[in-house]
Amino acid sequence: MSKLDTGRITGGVLLNQKVNPQILARPEDRAKLIAMLRAFFNRLHGFHVQYNVVDRAILLDAQAHPERHRDLIVRVAGYSAFFVVLSKQTQDDIIARTEQTL
């Protein structure tokens, strides 16, 4: 991602990441995430990254039972939205994103 010549791309480039909430459970895991972000921006000159910190099971349950998850907000592609009001296609795209672990 950081190898793209973003100077030629109007509006820049974003990197969508989906991480499981467990990634933030322990201080050492939070430190790894911080190190990864610093490397992405400081060493690799990354342009933009946005995270969804939610597990796949919650997203699937929200899709099946939207009334239980009316307050679930996710990053889509440069904006945030309530998950349950997104189209099924967009919901499926968010669910399908690779879930990162450290």
C-alpha atoms as a PDB file:
ATOM      1  CA  MET A   1       0.000   0.000   0.000  1.00  0.00           C
ATOM      2  CA  SER A   2       2.750   2.447   0.876  1.00  0.00           C
ATOM      3  CA  LYS A   3       4.432   1.908  -2.522  1.00  0.00           C
ATOM      4  CA  LEU A   4       1.666   3.708  -4.415  1.00  0.00           C
ATOM      5  CA  ASP A   5       2.606   7.094  -5.829  1.00  0.00           C
ATOM      6  CA  THR A   6      -0.199   8.951  -4.052  1.00  0.00           C
ATOM      7  CA  GLY A   7       0.915  12.272  -5.509  1.00  0.00           C
ATOM      8  CA  ARG A   8      -0.753  11.267  -8.776  1.00  0.00           C
ATOM      9  CA  ILE A   9      -4.035  10.124  -7.220  1.00  0.00           C
ATOM     10  CA  THR A  10      -6.687  12.805  -6.718  1.00  0.00           C
ATOM     11  CA  GLY A  11      -7.993  12.727  -3.165  1.00  0.00           C
ATOM     12  CA  GLY A  12      -5.315  10.309  -1.961  1.00  0.00           C
ATOM     13  CA  VAL A  13      -5.602   6.675  -1.022  1.00  0.00           C
ATOM     14  CA  LEU A  14      -7.027   5.022   2.048  1.00  0.00           C
ATOM     15  CA  LEU A  15      -6.262   1.685   3.642  1.00  0.00           C
ATOM     16  CA  ASN A  16      -9.276   0.000   5.267  1.00  0.00           C
ATOM     17  CA  GLN A  17      -8.423  -2.332   8.129  1.00  0.00           C
ATOM     18  CA  LYS A  18     -10.741  -4.464  10.225  1.00  0.00           C
ATOM     19  CA  VAL A  19      -9.382  -5.597  13.567  1.00  0.00           C
ATOM     20  CA  ASN A  20     -10.894  -7.749  16.258  1.00  0.00           C
ATOM     21  CA  PRO A  21     -11.495  -5.916  19.568  1.00  0.00           C
ATOM     22  CA  GLN A  22      -9.169  -8.456  21.220  1.00  0.00           C
ATOM     23  CA  ILE A  23      -6.292  -6.622  19.541  1.00  0.00           C
ATOM     24  CA  LEU A  24      -6.740  -3.845  22.100  1.00  0.00           C
ATOM     25  CA  ALA A  25      -7.187  -6.070  25.152  1.00  0.00           C
ATOM     26  CA  ARG A  26      -3.574  -6.208  26.368  1.00  0.00           C
ATOM     27  CA  PRO A  27      -1.087  -3.325  26.690  1.00  0.00           C
ATOM     28  CA  GLU A  28       1.539  -5.225  24.673  1.00  0.00           C
ATOM     29  CA  ASP A  29      -0.924  -5.681  21.798  1.00  0.00           C
ATOM     30  CA  ARG A  30      -1.810  -1.982  21.851  1.00  0.00           C
ATOM     31  CA  ALA A  31       1.929  -1.233  21.724  1.00  0.00           C
ATOM     32  CA  LYS A  32       2.251  -3.458  18.635  1.00  0.00           C
ATOM     33  CA  LEU A  33      -0.587  -1.597  16.925  1.00  0.00           C
ATOM     34  CA  ILE A  34       1.062   1.741  17.742  1.00  0.00           C
ATOM     35  CA  ALA A  35       4.390   0.480  16.356  1.00  0.00           C
ATOM     36  CA  MET A  36       2.672  -0.720  13.180  1.00  0.00           C
ATOM     37  CA  LEU A  37       0.993   2.676  12.685  1.00  0.00           C
ATOM     38  CA  ARG A  38       4.237   4.549  13.267  1.00  0.00           C
ATOM     39  CA  ALA A  39       6.038   2.344  10.749  1.00  0.00           C
ATOM     40  CA  PHE A  40       3.251   2.783   8.192  1.00  0.00           C
ATOM     41  CA  PHE A  41       3.266   6.578   8.415  1.00  0.00           C
ATOM     42  CA  ASN A  42       6.813   7.476   9.445  1.00  0.00           C
ATOM     43  CA  ARG A  43       8.893   4.895   7.575  1.00  0.00           C
ATOM     44  CA  LEU A  44       6.659   3.850   4.694  1.00  0.00           C
ATOM     45  CA  HIS A  45       5.004   7.268   4.250  1.00  0.00           C
ATOM     46  CA  GLY A  46       1.490   5.832   4.246  1.00  0.00           C
ATOM     47  CA  PHE A  47      -1.250   8.287   3.366  1.00  0.00           C
ATOM     48  CA  HIS A  48      -4.409   7.275   5.248  1.00  0.00           C
ATOM     49  CA  VAL A  49      -5.628   4.310   7.296  1.00  0.00           C
ATOM     50  CA  GLN A  50      -9.008   3.745   8.882  1.00  0.00           C
ATOM     51  CA  TYR A  51     -10.090   0.985  11.235  1.00  0.00           C
ATOM     52  CA  ASN A  52     -13.207  -0.944  12.060  1.00  0.00           C
ATOM     53  CA  VAL A  53     -12.689  -2.450  15.506  1.00  0.00           C
ATOM     54  CA  VAL A  54     -15.493  -4.989  15.572  1.00  0.00           C
ATOM     55  CA  ASP A  55     -15.629  -8.730  15.339  1.00  0.00           C
ATOM     56  CA  ARG A  56     -17.210 -10.606  12.465  1.00  0.00           C
ATOM     57  CA  ALA A  57     -19.823 -12.273  14.703  1.00  0.00           C
ATOM     58  CA  ILE A  58     -21.203  -8.861  15.741  1.00  0.00           C
ATOM     59  CA  LEU A  59     -21.449  -7.737  12.105  1.00  0.00           C
ATOM     60  CA  LEU A  60     -23.241 -10.939  11.096  1.00  0.00           C
ATOM     61  CA  ASP A  61     -25.644 -10.593  14.032  1.00  0.00           C
ATOM     62  CA  ALA A  62     -26.269  -6.943  13.116  1.00  0.00           C
ATOM     63  CA  GLN A  63     -27.081  -7.982   9.576  1.00  0.00           C
ATOM     64  CA  ALA A  64     -29.500 -10.686  10.766  1.00  0.00           C
ATOM     65  CA  HIS A  65     -30.984  -8.661  13.656  1.00  0.00           C
ATOM     66  CA  PRO A  66     -30.613  -4.937  12.890  1.00  0.00           C
ATOM     67  CA  GLU A  67     -32.957  -3.990  15.721  1.00  0.00           C
ATOM     68  CA  ARG A  68     -30.302  -5.170  18.223  1.00  0.00           C
ATOM     69  CA  HIS A  69     -27.498  -3.065  16.704  1.00  0.00           C
ATOM     70  CA  ARG A  70     -28.995   0.290  15.759  1.00  0.00           C
ATOM     71  CA  ASP A  71     -26.020   2.131  17.325  1.00  0.00           C
ATOM     72  CA  LEU A  72     -23.256   0.163  15.535  1.00  0.00           C
ATOM     73  CA  ILE A  73     -21.136   2.602  13.518  1.00  0.00           C
ATOM     74  CA  VAL A  74     -18.527   1.406  11.002  1.00  0.00           C
ATOM     75  CA  ARG A  75     -15.989   3.008   8.698  1.00  0.00           C
ATOM     76  CA  VAL A  76     -16.990   2.477   5.087  1.00  0.00           C
ATOM     77  CA  ALA A  77     -14.618   4.219   2.669  1.00  0.00           C
ATOM     78  CA  GLY A  78     -13.740   7.671   3.914  1.00  0.00           C
ATOM     79  CA  TYR A  79     -16.883   8.065   5.995  1.00  0.00           C
ATOM     80  CA  SER A  80     -18.640   6.480   8.970  1.00  0.00           C
ATOM     81  CA  ALA A  81     -22.193   5.165   8.895  1.00  0.00           C
ATOM     82  CA  PHE A  82     -24.631   3.175  10.944  1.00  0.00           C
ATOM     83  CA  PHE A  83     -24.099  -0.413   9.828  1.00  0.00           C
ATOM     84  CA  VAL A  84     -27.792  -1.346   9.790  1.00  0.00           C
ATOM     85  CA  VAL A  85     -28.744   1.396   7.289  1.00  0.00           C
ATOM     86  CA  LEU A  86     -26.112   0.393   4.732  1.00  0.00           C
ATOM     87  CA  SER A  87     -27.091  -1.675   1.711  1.00  0.00           C
ATOM     88  CA  LYS A  88     -26.620  -5.427   2.008  1.00  0.00           C
ATOM     89  CA  GLN A  89     -23.866  -5.213  -0.609  1.00  0.00           C
ATOM     90  CA  THR A  90     -21.929  -2.674   1.475  1.00  0.00           C
ATOM     91  CA  GLN A  91     -22.538  -4.667   4.665  1.00  0.00           C
ATOM     92  CA  ASP A  92     -21.228  -7.796   2.924  1.00  0.00           C
ATOM     93  CA  ASP A  93     -18.141  -5.891   1.785  1.00  0.00           C
ATOM     94  CA  ILE A  94     -17.379  -4.759   5.334  1.00  0.00           C
ATOM     95  CA  ILE A  95     -17.939  -8.260   6.707  1.00  0.00           C
ATOM     96  CA  ALA A  96     -15.669  -9.727   4.030  1.00  0.00           C
ATOM     97  CA  ARG A  97     -12.737  -7.463   4.831  1.00  0.00           C
ATOM     98  CA  THR A  98      -9.841  -9.421   6.219  1.00  0.00           C
ATOM     99  CA  GLU A  99      -9.722  -9.243   9.993  1.00  0.00           C
ATOM    100  CA  GLN A 100      -6.204  -8.321  11.078  1.00  0.00           C
ATOM    101  CA  THR A 101      -4.458  -9.678  14.171  1.00  0.00           C
ATOM    102  CA  LEU A 102      -1.091  -8.900  15.729  1.00  0.00           C
END
